[in-house]
Protein backbone atom coordinates (compact mmCIF):
# COMPACT_ATOMS: atom_id res chain seq x y z
CA UNK A 1 188.41 11.76 -64.14
CA UNK A 2 190.52 9.04 -62.59
CA UNK A 3 190.63 5.39 -64.07
CA UNK A 4 190.75 2.15 -61.81
CA UNK A 5 193.30 0.07 -63.08
CA UNK A 6 193.46 -3.77 -62.43
CA UNK A 7 196.44 -5.36 -64.08
CA UNK A 8 196.40 -9.54 -63.51
CA UNK A 9 200.06 -10.43 -64.48
CA UNK A 10 200.86 -14.37 -64.55
CA UNK A 11 201.86 -14.54 -61.10
CA UNK A 12 200.78 -10.71 -59.05
CA UNK A 13 198.33 -8.16 -59.77
CA UNK A 14 198.00 -4.46 -59.30
CA UNK A 15 195.28 -2.26 -58.70
CA UNK A 16 195.59 1.07 -59.35
CA UNK A 17 193.62 4.80 -59.20
CA UNK A 18 195.23 6.56 -62.76
CA UNK A 19 194.62 9.96 -63.70
CA UNK A 20 193.38 11.29 -67.38
CA UNK A 21 197.56 12.07 -67.68
CA UNK A 22 198.40 8.45 -66.98
CA UNK A 23 200.29 8.98 -63.33
CA UNK A 24 199.31 6.28 -60.64
CA UNK A 25 197.75 7.98 -58.11
CA UNK A 26 198.22 5.15 -55.90
CA UNK A 27 198.84 1.16 -56.20
CA UNK A 28 198.24 -1.97 -54.41
CA UNK A 29 200.39 -5.16 -55.36
CA UNK A 30 199.97 -8.87 -54.36
CA UNK A 31 201.84 -11.97 -55.26
CA UNK A 32 198.97 -14.25 -56.63
CA UNK A 33 199.74 -17.92 -55.90
CA UNK A 34 199.60 -21.00 -57.71
CA UNK A 35 196.04 -22.70 -58.24
CA UNK A 36 194.48 -19.25 -58.44
CA UNK A 37 190.60 -19.06 -59.34
CA UNK A 38 188.23 -16.79 -60.92
CA UNK A 39 186.60 -16.65 -57.70
CA UNK A 40 189.83 -16.37 -55.54
CA UNK A 41 190.89 -13.68 -57.96
CA UNK A 42 187.54 -11.61 -57.64
CA UNK A 43 188.28 -11.55 -54.35
CA UNK A 44 191.99 -10.62 -54.34
CA UNK A 45 190.02 -7.34 -56.60
CA UNK A 46 187.98 -6.56 -53.87
CA UNK A 47 190.25 -6.43 -51.14
CA UNK A 48 192.84 -4.55 -53.02
CA UNK A 49 190.28 -2.05 -53.96
CA UNK A 50 189.21 -1.50 -50.27
CA UNK A 51 192.74 -1.37 -49.00
CA UNK A 52 192.90 1.70 -51.44
CA UNK A 53 189.51 2.95 -50.37
CA UNK A 54 190.79 3.03 -46.81
CA UNK A 55 194.94 3.78 -46.99
CA UNK A 56 194.16 6.64 -49.35
CA UNK A 57 190.66 7.75 -48.13
CA UNK A 58 189.66 7.12 -51.86
CA UNK A 59 185.77 7.24 -52.88
CA UNK A 60 184.97 4.96 -55.54
CA UNK A 61 182.23 6.81 -56.72
CA UNK A 62 184.97 8.96 -58.44
CA UNK A 63 185.56 6.39 -60.46
CA UNK A 64 184.68 7.16 -64.12
CA UNK A 65 185.62 3.67 -65.73
CA UNK A 66 187.83 0.65 -65.09
CA UNK A 67 190.39 -1.11 -67.06
CA UNK A 68 191.51 -4.44 -66.48
CA UNK A 69 194.24 -6.59 -68.11
CA UNK A 70 194.16 -10.22 -69.31
CA UNK A 71 197.42 -12.45 -69.12
CA UNK A 72 196.56 -14.27 -72.04
CA UNK A 73 193.77 -14.67 -74.37
CA UNK A 74 191.11 -11.63 -74.06
CA UNK A 75 187.41 -11.55 -75.98
CA UNK A 76 187.56 -7.00 -75.78
CA UNK A 77 183.97 -7.08 -77.04
CA UNK A 78 182.25 -9.37 -74.89
CA UNK A 79 184.49 -8.91 -71.69
CA UNK A 80 185.53 -12.24 -71.72
CA UNK A 81 188.92 -13.44 -70.20
CA UNK A 82 189.00 -16.64 -73.07
CA UNK A 83 192.20 -18.35 -71.50
CA UNK A 84 195.18 -17.48 -69.28
CA UNK A 85 198.32 -20.49 -70.28
CA UNK A 86 199.83 -20.08 -66.54
CA UNK A 87 196.69 -20.02 -64.30
CA UNK A 88 194.36 -22.06 -66.75
CA UNK A 89 191.68 -19.45 -66.06
CA UNK A 90 189.06 -19.65 -68.85
CA UNK A 91 185.74 -18.47 -70.45
CA UNK A 92 185.73 -16.15 -67.68
CA UNK A 93 183.21 -13.18 -67.91
CA UNK A 94 185.58 -10.99 -66.23
CA UNK A 95 184.39 -7.43 -67.19
CA UNK A 96 180.59 -8.24 -65.94
CA UNK A 97 181.40 -9.36 -62.76
CA UNK A 98 183.80 -6.59 -61.91
CA UNK A 99 181.29 -3.89 -63.11
CA UNK A 100 178.34 -6.02 -60.52
CA UNK A 101 180.52 -5.50 -57.88
CA UNK A 102 181.36 -1.49 -59.15
CA UNK A 103 178.64 -0.37 -61.41
CA UNK A 104 181.31 1.22 -64.10
CA UNK A 105 181.98 0.67 -67.69
CA UNK A 106 184.85 -2.49 -67.88
CA UNK A 107 187.34 -2.39 -70.68
CA UNK A 108 189.63 -5.75 -71.08
CA UNK A 109 192.72 -6.60 -73.01
CA UNK A 110 195.50 -8.66 -73.10
CA UNK A 111 198.08 -7.31 -71.15
CA UNK A 112 200.98 -6.33 -73.95
CA UNK A 113 198.07 -5.23 -76.01
CA UNK A 114 197.60 -2.99 -73.24
CA UNK A 115 200.79 -2.16 -72.53
CA UNK A 116 201.20 -0.57 -76.08
CA UNK A 117 198.24 1.46 -75.94
CA UNK A 118 199.50 2.73 -73.06
CA UNK A 119 203.05 3.86 -74.87
CA UNK A 120 200.96 4.92 -77.44
CA UNK A 121 199.21 7.61 -75.47
CA UNK A 122 201.04 8.16 -72.41
CA UNK A 123 204.76 6.82 -73.17
CA UNK A 124 206.90 6.93 -75.77
CA UNK A 125 205.48 6.67 -79.07
CA UNK A 126 202.85 9.41 -79.24
CA UNK A 127 204.91 10.49 -82.32
CA UNK A 128 205.25 7.20 -83.44
CA UNK A 129 202.67 4.91 -86.02
CA UNK A 130 204.26 2.23 -86.02
CA UNK A 131 205.84 -0.42 -83.51
CA UNK A 132 206.25 -3.66 -81.38
CA UNK A 133 206.06 -3.77 -78.07
CA UNK A 134 207.30 -7.32 -76.69
CA UNK A 135 206.98 -8.03 -72.54
CA UNK A 136 210.15 -10.47 -71.61
CA UNK A 137 209.06 -11.74 -68.12
CA UNK A 138 207.45 -14.84 -67.04
CA UNK A 139 206.34 -15.28 -70.46
CA UNK A 140 207.06 -13.13 -73.93
CA UNK A 141 203.97 -11.48 -75.02
CA UNK A 142 204.38 -9.06 -78.59
CA UNK A 143 201.55 -6.16 -79.27
CA UNK A 144 201.71 -4.75 -82.63
CA UNK A 145 201.14 -0.77 -83.76
CA UNK A 146 200.06 -0.25 -87.47
CA UNK A 147 199.52 2.79 -88.95
CA UNK A 148 198.44 4.41 -85.35
CA UNK A 149 196.61 1.99 -84.85
CA UNK A 150 196.20 -1.45 -82.49
CA UNK A 151 196.38 -4.58 -84.97
CA UNK A 152 194.44 -7.34 -83.67
CA UNK A 153 194.34 -9.61 -85.99
CA UNK A 154 191.88 -11.85 -87.07
CA UNK A 155 190.28 -13.31 -84.37
CA UNK A 156 192.04 -10.66 -82.09
CA UNK A 157 195.24 -12.83 -80.76
CA UNK A 158 197.79 -10.84 -83.39
CA UNK A 159 201.40 -10.53 -81.87
CA UNK A 160 201.96 -13.43 -80.15
CA UNK A 161 206.25 -13.19 -80.52
CA UNK A 162 206.49 -15.52 -77.73
CA UNK A 163 205.12 -18.79 -80.11
CA UNK A 164 207.45 -17.87 -82.36
CA UNK A 165 210.43 -20.94 -83.28
CA UNK A 166 213.80 -20.13 -81.85
CA UNK A 167 215.05 -23.34 -81.39
CA UNK A 168 215.15 -26.39 -84.15
CA UNK A 169 213.41 -29.76 -84.32
CA UNK A 170 211.27 -30.93 -80.80
CA UNK A 171 213.87 -29.78 -78.70
CA UNK A 172 212.24 -31.35 -75.57
CA UNK A 173 214.25 -29.51 -72.92
CA UNK A 174 212.36 -26.37 -73.71
CA UNK A 175 208.19 -27.28 -73.71
CA UNK A 176 206.15 -24.35 -74.07
CA UNK A 177 202.69 -23.72 -72.55
CA UNK A 178 201.65 -23.25 -75.73
CA UNK A 179 203.02 -27.21 -75.97
CA UNK A 180 205.13 -26.92 -78.83
CA UNK A 181 208.60 -27.07 -78.38
CA UNK A 182 211.80 -24.40 -78.80
CA UNK A 183 209.21 -21.19 -78.69
CA UNK A 184 210.91 -18.10 -77.93
CA UNK A 185 209.36 -17.75 -74.61
CA UNK A 186 209.73 -21.41 -73.41
CA UNK A 187 213.81 -20.66 -73.77
CA UNK A 188 214.20 -16.72 -72.79
CA UNK A 189 211.23 -16.07 -70.83
CA UNK A 190 212.33 -16.15 -66.83
CA UNK A 191 211.81 -19.45 -66.23
CA UNK A 192 213.89 -20.52 -69.57
CA UNK A 193 216.77 -18.65 -68.68
CA UNK A 194 216.82 -19.92 -65.09
CA UNK A 195 216.78 -23.55 -66.79
CA UNK A 196 219.58 -23.11 -69.23
CA UNK A 197 221.60 -21.89 -66.12
CA UNK A 198 220.86 -25.02 -64.12
CA UNK A 199 221.44 -26.76 -67.21
CA UNK A 200 225.07 -25.55 -66.82
CA UNK A 201 225.64 -25.06 -63.36
CA UNK A 202 222.97 -27.76 -60.96
CA UNK A 203 221.76 -24.39 -58.99
CA UNK A 204 217.89 -25.29 -59.36
CA UNK A 205 217.00 -22.44 -57.14
CA UNK A 206 217.78 -19.62 -59.20
CA UNK A 207 215.98 -17.27 -60.64
CA UNK A 208 216.21 -14.97 -63.74
CA UNK A 209 216.75 -11.52 -61.67
CA UNK A 210 219.31 -13.76 -59.36
CA UNK A 211 220.95 -14.56 -62.20
CA UNK A 212 221.18 -10.69 -63.71
CA UNK A 213 223.48 -10.25 -60.61
CA UNK A 214 225.67 -12.93 -61.03
CA UNK A 215 225.98 -11.99 -64.92
CA UNK A 216 227.09 -8.08 -63.34
CA UNK A 217 229.23 -9.22 -60.92
CA UNK A 218 231.33 -11.19 -63.72
CA UNK A 219 229.71 -14.48 -63.45
CA UNK A 220 230.93 -16.03 -66.53
CA UNK A 221 228.13 -18.25 -67.31
CA UNK A 222 225.32 -16.45 -65.79
CA UNK A 223 226.65 -14.16 -68.49
CA UNK A 224 226.34 -15.88 -71.76
CA UNK A 225 222.66 -17.09 -70.98
CA UNK A 226 221.94 -13.33 -70.37
CA UNK A 227 223.73 -12.82 -74.14
CA UNK A 228 221.93 -15.76 -75.61
CA UNK A 229 218.37 -14.81 -74.14
CA UNK A 230 219.12 -11.91 -76.23
CA UNK A 231 220.06 -13.86 -79.16
CA UNK A 232 217.14 -16.00 -79.01
CA UNK A 233 214.71 -12.93 -78.64
CA UNK A 234 216.16 -11.19 -81.86
CA UNK A 235 216.17 -13.58 -83.85
CA UNK A 236 212.10 -13.95 -82.98
CA UNK A 237 211.70 -10.04 -83.50
CA UNK A 238 213.42 -10.49 -86.59
CA UNK A 239 210.88 -12.27 -87.98
CA UNK A 240 208.37 -9.74 -87.03
CA UNK A 241 210.36 -6.56 -88.43
CA UNK A 242 211.42 -8.07 -91.65
CA UNK A 243 207.04 -8.49 -91.50
CA UNK A 244 206.17 -5.49 -90.27
CA UNK A 245 208.52 -2.74 -90.89
CA UNK A 246 208.45 -1.27 -87.40
CA UNK A 247 209.90 2.39 -86.86
CA UNK A 248 210.77 1.24 -83.22
CA UNK A 249 210.85 -1.61 -81.03
CA UNK A 250 209.77 -0.96 -77.26
CA UNK A 251 210.39 -3.75 -74.36
CA UNK A 252 209.17 -4.13 -71.28
CA UNK A 253 208.69 -7.38 -68.23
CA UNK A 254 210.96 -7.76 -65.62
CA UNK A 255 213.40 -8.92 -67.58
CA UNK A 256 213.95 -6.06 -69.98
CA UNK A 257 214.72 -4.44 -66.66
CA UNK A 258 217.77 -6.58 -67.73
CA UNK A 259 218.14 -4.75 -70.83
CA UNK A 260 221.90 -3.84 -70.69
CA UNK A 261 222.23 -7.71 -70.53
CA UNK A 262 220.29 -8.41 -73.44
CA UNK A 263 220.83 -5.78 -75.44
CA UNK A 264 224.48 -7.27 -77.17
CA UNK A 265 222.86 -10.84 -78.15
CA UNK A 266 219.59 -9.13 -79.72
CA UNK A 267 221.90 -6.63 -81.55
CA UNK A 268 223.26 -9.55 -83.02
CA UNK A 269 220.55 -11.59 -83.79
CA UNK A 270 219.38 -8.91 -85.78
CA UNK A 271 222.08 -8.21 -87.52
CA UNK A 272 222.37 -11.55 -88.38
CA UNK A 273 218.34 -11.95 -89.25
CA UNK A 274 217.17 -9.27 -89.75
CA UNK A 275 216.92 -8.04 -93.43
CA UNK A 276 219.23 -4.83 -92.91
CA UNK A 277 218.09 -2.69 -95.87
CA UNK A 278 215.04 -2.69 -95.63
CA UNK A 279 215.10 -1.80 -91.59
CA UNK A 280 218.68 -0.01 -90.84
CA UNK A 281 216.34 2.58 -88.93
CA UNK A 282 215.02 0.35 -86.33
CA UNK A 283 215.17 1.83 -82.90
CA UNK A 284 215.27 -0.84 -79.83
CA UNK A 285 213.88 1.14 -76.34
CA UNK A 286 212.64 0.55 -72.76
CA UNK A 287 209.46 1.58 -71.66
CA UNK A 288 208.67 4.77 -70.52
CA UNK A 289 206.41 3.94 -68.17
CA UNK A 290 207.96 1.16 -66.20
CA UNK A 291 207.47 -1.38 -63.72
CA UNK A 292 203.56 0.37 -64.05
CA UNK A 293 203.46 -0.18 -67.64
CA UNK A 294 200.83 -2.48 -67.78
CA UNK A 295 198.77 -0.62 -65.04
CA UNK A 296 199.00 2.66 -66.83
CA UNK A 297 197.62 0.63 -69.96
CA UNK A 298 194.74 -0.63 -68.19
CA UNK A 299 193.96 2.96 -67.92
CA UNK A 300 194.66 3.49 -71.61
CA UNK A 301 192.30 1.33 -72.40
CA UNK A 302 189.37 3.33 -71.46
CA UNK A 303 190.01 6.11 -74.00
CA UNK A 304 190.19 6.87 -77.62
CA UNK A 305 193.58 6.23 -78.54
């Protein structure tokens, strides 16, 4: 049994064929331009699928189900993409649209929730029932597993770790996409990392990835920015850990590829803010699913956990 996985990110899209064991058999990726609309996104998805069919000689009749990850709020029951902070896409019946094209049952889920489901089914958390999955990329998102199941919350939007405030006051330098100020997403996601480095160096054309490279090459300011990134993340995680008492924290997303640079700050913040007596055995780990975590997660949501 093969699954068509569609991973829609804030700035990229990946489409792939995943087997029942979570192996990515083939995939196509593309950067999404600014101003992507629901209609243009459908065109990109069809183009990627056509390329997979032609390049890998794949027959889409062999697809049993389709899983889609959504960067933002998703109504999993109706298959509607409710809202995406980056693109502004809202109230888009994406499951129905994709079903009309390919004639297969379509499942959708928030991208970070899908990553967590993938980690539970195929990754480090097969035997772990209580964990938090955190994505650190262009934004910061979280997902929570409790007693072996995904915790969705009252309206399906649990796990929004990125909107825990880590800076006091309004702090107008760091306005978040949610409209508030001082959220960990505004400070410690990729754009926030670049902004903090720029505030010190006046280097306006630099990415979080480039800052990580500078840190590894001995740039003192870059090292401080990456340490502080970890500290802000650890401060936000402390609030979640104190409330939920998970066994493990799983890190994914592009910024987490520099985990060695942010881990010291995370640990120092946990030591400062986490209730250590209640969480003394907490474990931190990078996802076992690597860069394909969301794509594999898109397939995982089509299975029963």
